[in-house]
Amino acid sequence: QVQLVESGGGLVQAGGSLTLSCAASASIFSFDVMGWYRQAPGKQRELVATIRSDGGSKKYADSVKGRFTIARDSAKNTVYLQMNSLKPEDTAVYYCKALRYREYWGQGTQVTVSS
């Protein structure tokens, strides 16, 4: 059973930075894609950033391009989301997702950005 454990969320002022971590119980290269999604209150869950295992190509939502960076550390089986220049509209629960034949989700970590 694959497990994904997120950490690193918290409360930060607008303009600040946070780094989220997603630790996987399996090699991150065993997944086709890993990524970060977020869900704000009253809104649908949305893609933030993804990274493919083959080639490492990355994809970002337009709303976070230039501010967020997705990265991975295969030795630690961990995917990161570096978030800079945070805005109040980035406030959400952030989820890690992995795809291999099916979707695997973490439990989520809360990010709150105060104005």
Protein backbone atom coordinates (compact mmCIF):
# COMPACT_ATOMS: atom_id res chain seq x y z
CA GLN A 1 0.00 0.00 0.00
CA VAL A 2 1.51 3.29 -1.13
CA GLN A 3 1.51 6.09 1.41
CA LEU A 4 2.16 9.76 0.82
CA VAL A 5 2.82 12.03 3.78
CA GLU A 6 2.81 15.79 3.35
CA SER A 7 4.44 18.26 5.70
CA GLY A 8 5.58 21.85 5.79
CA GLY A 9 2.31 23.73 5.78
CA GLY A 10 1.61 26.60 8.13
CA LEU A 11 0.72 30.24 8.50
CA VAL A 12 2.76 32.82 6.61
CA GLN A 13 2.37 36.47 5.72
CA ALA A 14 1.80 37.56 2.16
CA GLY A 15 5.09 37.73 0.31
CA GLY A 16 6.57 34.97 2.41
CA SER A 17 7.76 31.50 1.51
CA LEU A 18 7.04 27.92 2.48
CA THR A 19 8.36 24.57 1.34
CA LEU A 20 6.05 21.59 1.31
CA SER A 21 7.37 18.03 1.36
CA CYS A 22 5.71 14.82 0.21
CA ALA A 23 7.41 11.67 1.43
CA ALA A 24 6.46 8.50 -0.45
CA SER A 25 6.61 4.95 0.91
CA ALA A 26 7.89 3.77 -2.48
CA SER A 27 10.47 4.98 -4.94
CA ILE A 28 9.22 8.15 -6.57
CA PHE A 29 10.44 6.77 -9.90
CA SER A 30 7.92 3.95 -9.58
CA PHE A 31 5.21 6.52 -10.25
CA ASP A 32 4.46 7.95 -13.67
CA VAL A 33 3.69 11.39 -12.32
CA MET A 34 3.76 13.08 -8.94
CA GLY A 35 2.27 16.41 -8.16
CA TRP A 36 0.71 18.94 -5.88
CA TYR A 37 -2.92 19.95 -5.85
CA ARG A 38 -4.80 22.35 -3.62
CA GLN A 39 -8.33 22.94 -2.46
CA ALA A 40 -9.57 26.19 -1.02
CA PRO A 41 -12.80 26.38 1.00
CA GLY A 42 -15.81 26.18 -1.27
CA LYS A 43 -13.71 25.49 -4.35
CA GLN A 44 -12.77 22.44 -6.37
CA ARG A 45 -9.42 20.80 -6.00
CA GLU A 46 -7.01 22.16 -8.59
CA LEU A 47 -3.65 21.25 -10.02
CA VAL A 48 -0.70 23.28 -8.76
CA ALA A 49 2.33 21.51 -10.20
CA THR A 50 3.38 18.10 -11.50
CA ILE A 51 6.62 16.37 -12.35
CA ARG A 52 6.98 13.32 -14.56
CA SER A 53 9.30 10.46 -13.68
CA ASP A 54 10.53 10.04 -17.25
CA GLY A 55 12.53 13.08 -18.14
CA GLY A 56 11.43 15.16 -15.20
CA SER A 57 9.21 17.50 -17.20
CA LYS A 58 7.26 19.91 -15.03
CA LYS A 59 3.89 21.55 -15.36
CA TYR A 60 2.49 24.48 -13.40
CA ALA A 61 -0.84 26.18 -13.01
CA ASP A 62 -0.77 29.66 -14.53
CA SER A 63 -1.55 31.15 -11.14
CA VAL A 64 1.70 29.87 -9.62
CA LYS A 65 4.14 30.09 -12.54
CA GLY A 66 7.25 31.98 -11.58
CA ARG A 67 6.48 31.69 -7.86
CA PHE A 68 6.31 27.95 -7.14
CA THR A 69 8.85 25.27 -7.99
CA ILE A 70 8.36 21.52 -7.86
CA ALA A 71 11.43 19.38 -7.24
CA ARG A 72 12.31 15.87 -6.20
CA ASP A 73 14.93 14.01 -4.21
CA SER A 74 15.03 10.38 -5.26
CA ALA A 75 17.34 9.42 -2.41
CA LYS A 76 14.68 10.54 0.06
CA ASN A 77 11.68 9.47 -2.05
CA THR A 78 10.38 12.97 -1.57
CA VAL A 79 8.82 15.60 -3.79
CA TYR A 80 8.91 19.24 -2.76
CA LEU A 81 6.94 22.35 -3.55
CA GLN A 82 8.86 25.54 -2.97
CA MET A 83 6.40 28.40 -2.69
CA ASN A 84 7.63 31.99 -2.88
CA SER A 85 5.85 35.33 -3.01
CA LEU A 86 2.81 33.78 -1.41
CA LYS A 87 -0.55 35.50 -1.78
CA PRO A 88 -3.71 35.25 0.33
CA GLU A 89 -5.35 33.45 -2.60
CA ASP A 90 -2.81 30.65 -2.19
CA THR A 91 -4.54 29.71 1.05
CA ALA A 92 -5.74 26.12 0.74
CA VAL A 93 -5.16 22.56 1.80
CA TYR A 94 -2.33 21.24 -0.34
CA TYR A 95 -2.35 17.59 -1.36
CA CYS A 96 0.34 15.39 -2.82
CA LYS A 97 -0.71 12.97 -5.54
CA ALA A 98 1.07 10.08 -7.21
CA LEU A 99 -0.07 8.18 -10.26
CA ARG A 100 0.74 4.56 -11.00
CA TYR A 101 -2.12 2.56 -12.45
CA ARG A 102 -4.28 4.50 -10.00
CA GLU A 103 -4.16 7.68 -8.00
CA TYR A 104 -2.66 7.90 -4.53
CA TRP A 105 -3.30 10.92 -2.32
CA GLY A 106 -1.79 12.23 0.85
CA GLN A 107 -3.81 13.54 3.76
CA GLY A 108 -3.12 17.20 2.95
CA THR A 109 -1.37 20.05 4.70
CA GLN A 110 -2.91 23.44 5.41
CA VAL A 111 -1.30 26.57 4.01
CA THR A 112 -2.68 29.89 5.22
CA VAL A 113 -1.42 33.18 3.84
CA SER A 114 -2.39 36.28 5.76
CA SER A 115 -2.67 39.69 4.13
